[in-house]
Amino acid sequence: MNLQLGQSAEISKVFGPSEVAAFSELSEDRNPIHLDSEFAAKTPFGKPIVHGILLSSLLSGLLGQKLPGAGAVYLGQTLKFVRPVFVGDAVTARVTVSQVRDDKPIVTLLTEVLNHNGEPCVQGEAVVKI
């Protein structure tokens, strides 16, 4: 695969209450900040937020399906959660090639999840074997 610096791919999605509830069951993370409107109303967020790791799962999908694509294997991922995403909000996940090694089939990509206003919610970096 011929990857170029700055090459990117993205996907958009809405995580509604059913997706958040399903992820809560799968992950065993039933924190009421994600599931209970009354509980979340008493927090600084004011309403339920999507799990940061659920948002980040879109990055895995991009890496395995779009860029670099089929056969890519995660070697590492850093994540920083900088802004909440509320249940029902649209997000866009994006990966951008930032380094391609000449000596090994390894690529580094900037990773981000943006809210419906284009503001970063999750930022990080992925290292992937291709």
Protein backbone atom coordinates (compact mmCIF):
# COMPACT_ATOMS: atom_id res chain seq x y z
CA MET A 1 0.00 0.00 0.00
CA ASN A 2 1.33 3.40 -0.97
CA LEU A 3 0.48 5.70 1.94
CA GLN A 4 1.20 9.42 1.76
CA LEU A 5 1.72 11.94 4.56
CA GLY A 6 -1.50 13.85 5.13
CA GLN A 7 -3.69 11.15 3.60
CA SER A 8 -6.87 10.80 5.65
CA ALA A 9 -10.15 8.95 6.00
CA GLU A 10 -13.21 9.66 8.10
CA ILE A 11 -16.56 8.29 9.15
CA SER A 12 -19.56 9.95 10.79
CA LYS A 13 -21.99 8.37 13.22
CA VAL A 14 -24.61 9.09 15.88
CA PHE A 15 -24.50 7.07 19.10
CA GLY A 16 -28.04 7.03 20.43
CA PRO A 17 -29.38 5.58 23.67
CA SER A 18 -29.60 2.02 22.29
CA GLU A 19 -25.94 1.99 21.15
CA VAL A 20 -24.77 3.43 24.47
CA ALA A 21 -26.85 0.88 26.41
CA ALA A 22 -25.52 -2.00 24.29
CA PHE A 23 -21.93 -0.83 24.82
CA SER A 24 -22.57 -0.53 28.56
CA GLU A 25 -23.60 -4.18 28.65
CA LEU A 26 -20.72 -5.39 26.48
CA SER A 27 -18.08 -3.41 28.36
CA GLU A 28 -19.58 -3.86 31.84
CA ASP A 29 -19.38 -0.05 32.20
CA ARG A 30 -22.80 0.86 33.53
CA ASN A 31 -21.79 4.22 34.95
CA PRO A 32 -25.05 6.21 35.23
CA ILE A 33 -23.36 9.25 33.63
CA HIS A 34 -23.95 7.38 30.34
CA LEU A 35 -27.36 5.84 31.00
CA ASP A 36 -29.43 7.80 33.51
CA SER A 37 -30.73 11.25 32.54
CA GLU A 38 -31.64 12.16 36.13
CA PHE A 39 -28.20 11.20 37.42
CA ALA A 40 -26.42 12.96 34.54
CA ALA A 41 -28.47 16.13 35.12
CA LYS A 42 -26.72 16.50 38.50
CA THR A 43 -23.24 16.35 36.93
CA PRO A 44 -21.30 19.17 35.25
CA PHE A 45 -22.36 17.71 31.87
CA GLY A 46 -26.09 18.09 32.57
CA LYS A 47 -27.10 15.11 30.42
CA PRO A 48 -25.81 11.62 29.49
CA ILE A 49 -22.49 11.40 27.66
CA VAL A 50 -21.19 8.73 25.29
CA HIS A 51 -18.37 6.51 26.60
CA GLY A 52 -15.04 7.84 25.36
CA ILE A 53 -13.93 4.35 24.43
CA LEU A 54 -17.09 3.82 22.38
CA LEU A 55 -16.28 6.99 20.44
CA SER A 56 -12.71 5.76 19.99
CA SER A 57 -13.93 2.47 18.54
CA LEU A 58 -14.70 4.38 15.33
CA LEU A 59 -10.95 4.87 14.95
CA SER A 60 -10.42 1.12 14.97
CA GLY A 61 -13.06 0.76 12.27
CA LEU A 62 -11.35 3.36 10.11
CA LEU A 63 -7.93 1.76 10.50
CA GLY A 64 -9.17 -1.71 9.63
CA GLN A 65 -11.59 -0.79 6.87
CA LYS A 66 -10.40 2.43 5.20
CA LEU A 67 -6.90 3.63 6.08
CA PRO A 68 -4.61 1.76 5.98
CA GLY A 69 -7.38 -0.86 5.51
CA ALA A 70 -7.81 -4.62 5.52
CA GLY A 71 -5.06 -6.49 7.35
CA ALA A 72 -3.90 -3.50 9.41
CA VAL A 73 -2.90 -4.46 12.96
CA TYR A 74 -2.94 -2.02 15.88
CA LEU A 75 0.43 -1.75 17.63
CA GLY A 76 -0.57 1.11 19.91
CA GLN A 77 -3.00 3.95 20.50
CA THR A 78 -2.91 7.02 22.71
CA LEU A 79 -6.14 8.79 23.61
CA LYS A 80 -6.97 12.09 25.25
CA PHE A 81 -10.60 12.88 26.06
CA VAL A 82 -10.92 16.64 25.71
CA ARG A 83 -14.66 17.30 25.38
CA PRO A 84 -17.81 15.28 26.09
CA VAL A 85 -20.13 13.96 23.39
CA PHE A 86 -23.77 13.80 24.38
CA VAL A 87 -25.93 10.81 23.60
CA GLY A 88 -27.63 11.46 20.26
CA ASP A 89 -25.03 13.91 18.91
CA ALA A 90 -23.36 13.31 15.54
CA VAL A 91 -19.59 12.80 15.52
CA THR A 92 -16.92 12.42 12.87
CA ALA A 93 -13.86 10.23 13.42
CA ARG A 94 -10.78 10.93 11.32
CA VAL A 95 -7.37 9.32 10.89
CA THR A 96 -4.51 11.11 9.13
CA VAL A 97 -1.15 9.63 8.13
CA SER A 98 1.61 11.46 9.98
CA GLN A 99 4.57 9.10 9.52
CA VAL A 100 5.44 6.20 7.21
CA ARG A 101 8.49 4.17 8.14
CA ASP A 102 10.92 3.26 5.39
CA ASP A 103 12.49 0.34 7.25
CA LYS A 104 9.32 -1.50 8.37
CA PRO A 105 5.67 -1.76 7.28
CA ILE A 106 4.58 0.58 10.10
CA VAL A 107 2.60 3.79 9.86
CA THR A 108 1.66 6.40 12.47
CA LEU A 109 -1.65 8.23 12.20
CA LEU A 110 -3.13 11.18 14.05
CA THR A 111 -6.55 10.17 15.35
CA GLU A 112 -9.46 12.37 16.34
CA VAL A 113 -13.16 12.36 17.00
CA LEU A 114 -14.95 15.66 16.39
CA ASN A 115 -18.38 16.72 17.57
CA HIS A 116 -21.12 18.15 15.33
CA ASN A 117 -19.49 21.60 15.66
CA GLY A 118 -16.12 20.29 14.43
CA GLU A 119 -14.59 20.59 17.90
CA PRO A 120 -12.16 17.86 19.03
CA CYS A 121 -13.56 15.45 21.62
CA VAL A 122 -10.99 12.65 21.42
CA GLN A 123 -7.42 13.15 20.22
CA GLY A 124 -4.55 10.72 19.92
CA GLU A 125 -2.13 8.79 17.80
CA ALA A 126 -2.20 5.26 16.42
CA VAL A 127 0.71 3.09 15.35
CA VAL A 128 -0.30 0.40 12.89
CA LYS A 129 1.45 -2.46 11.11
CA ILE A 130 0.43 -2.76 7.47
